[in-house]
Amino acid sequence: MTFARYSRNQEVSVYYKKAYNTVWRIQPTSGVRQDRQGEAVNVKDDVILEHVATSNYLSNDQIKYQNEFGAELEVSCMAAATKHKTQVLLNES
C-alpha cells in the first residue's frame, strides 16, 4: 500500500484505466442511505465518498502544501473519527 506524503494515510490517486480499486460510492450525509439510493445528487448536497474496495472514506486533514500547481490540500482514504456508530444511527433516523 502507498501512503500519502504528509498524513501517512492511504494514498488517493487518479488512474486512467478501469480497475476495482478506483471505484468510489457516493453516500448522502443525512437520511437513510438505503432509501436514498438511486436519487439524483444536488450540487449543494453534502456527500461522503466511500472507497468501494476498502469501505474507507475520502478524508482531508487540512494539510496544506505547495507544488507546481500552487497551494493544495492533501486528501487520503481513511476511516474518519467523525463517523462513529452513534452519529451514523442519528443520521438514519
Protein backbone atom coordinates (compact mmCIF):
# COMPACT_ATOMS: atom_id res chain seq x y z
CA MET A 1 0.00 0.00 0.00
CA THR A 2 1.20 3.52 -0.76
CA PHE A 3 0.82 6.28 1.82
CA ALA A 4 0.03 9.98 1.47
CA ARG A 5 3.15 12.12 1.88
CA TYR A 6 2.20 14.12 4.98
CA SER A 7 -0.66 12.36 6.80
CA ARG A 8 0.69 8.84 6.11
CA ASN A 9 -2.88 7.66 5.49
CA GLN A 10 -3.82 5.54 2.46
CA GLU A 11 -2.91 7.45 -0.71
CA VAL A 12 -5.60 8.53 -3.17
CA SER A 13 -4.77 8.98 -6.84
CA VAL A 14 -6.41 9.27 -10.25
CA TYR A 15 -5.88 6.49 -12.76
CA TYR A 16 -6.99 6.38 -16.39
CA LYS A 17 -7.72 2.61 -16.60
CA LYS A 18 -10.81 0.92 -15.20
CA ALA A 19 -9.97 -1.08 -12.07
CA TYR A 20 -11.92 -2.17 -9.00
CA ASN A 21 -9.63 -0.26 -6.63
CA THR A 22 -10.56 3.02 -8.36
CA VAL A 23 -14.32 2.76 -7.71
CA TRP A 24 -15.97 5.22 -5.30
CA ARG A 25 -19.54 5.18 -3.93
CA ILE A 26 -21.34 8.49 -3.30
CA GLN A 27 -23.16 8.38 0.04
CA PRO A 28 -25.54 11.02 1.46
CA THR A 29 -24.60 12.57 4.81
CA SER A 30 -28.19 12.56 6.07
CA GLY A 31 -31.21 10.31 5.86
CA VAL A 32 -31.39 6.55 5.46
CA ARG A 33 -28.81 5.62 2.84
CA GLN A 34 -30.82 2.68 1.51
CA ASP A 35 -33.87 4.92 0.99
CA ARG A 36 -31.81 7.50 -0.92
CA GLN A 37 -30.11 5.01 -3.25
CA GLY A 38 -30.54 5.96 -6.89
CA GLU A 39 -31.63 9.55 -6.13
CA ALA A 40 -30.07 12.43 -8.03
CA VAL A 41 -27.40 14.34 -6.11
CA ASN A 42 -27.93 18.09 -5.96
CA VAL A 43 -24.97 20.44 -6.31
CA LYS A 44 -25.41 21.78 -2.76
CA ASP A 45 -25.84 18.34 -1.11
CA ASP A 46 -23.17 17.23 1.33
CA VAL A 47 -21.87 13.80 0.36
CA ILE A 48 -19.37 11.23 1.57
CA LEU A 49 -17.13 9.47 -0.95
CA GLU A 50 -16.61 5.84 0.09
CA HIS A 51 -13.84 3.72 -1.45
CA VAL A 52 -15.62 0.53 -2.54
CA ALA A 53 -12.62 -1.81 -2.17
CA THR A 54 -11.77 -0.76 1.42
CA SER A 55 -15.04 0.86 2.68
CA ASN A 56 -12.94 3.83 3.86
CA TYR A 57 -13.97 7.43 3.28
CA LEU A 58 -12.17 10.16 1.37
CA SER A 59 -10.59 12.34 4.03
CA ASN A 60 -8.94 15.74 4.27
CA ASP A 61 -6.76 16.55 7.28
CA GLN A 62 -6.40 20.20 6.17
CA ILE A 63 -2.71 19.58 5.41
CA LYS A 64 -1.73 22.38 3.02
CA TYR A 65 1.38 22.13 0.84
CA GLN A 66 2.87 23.81 -2.23
CA ASN A 67 3.54 22.10 -5.54
CA GLU A 68 3.92 23.16 -9.18
CA PHE A 69 0.17 23.93 -9.33
CA GLY A 70 0.19 26.19 -6.24
CA ALA A 71 -1.26 25.55 -2.78
CA GLU A 72 -3.22 22.30 -2.42
CA LEU A 73 -4.74 20.24 0.38
CA GLU A 74 -3.77 16.61 0.79
CA VAL A 75 -6.57 14.05 0.59
CA SER A 76 -6.33 10.46 1.74
CA CYS A 77 -8.53 7.45 2.29
CA MET A 78 -9.17 6.51 5.90
CA ALA A 79 -11.80 5.69 8.47
CA ALA A 80 -12.54 9.18 9.79
CA ALA A 81 -13.02 9.54 13.54
CA THR A 82 -16.15 11.66 12.99
CA LYS A 83 -18.24 8.75 11.66
CA HIS A 84 -18.96 6.87 14.90
CA LYS A 85 -21.80 4.37 15.04
CA THR A 86 -23.96 6.75 17.11
CA GLN A 87 -23.58 9.52 14.54
CA VAL A 88 -24.50 7.18 11.70
CA LEU A 89 -27.58 5.99 13.60
CA LEU A 90 -28.64 9.59 14.31
CA ASN A 91 -28.35 10.44 10.61
CA GLU A 92 -30.51 7.46 9.65
CA SER A 93 -33.39 8.29 11.98
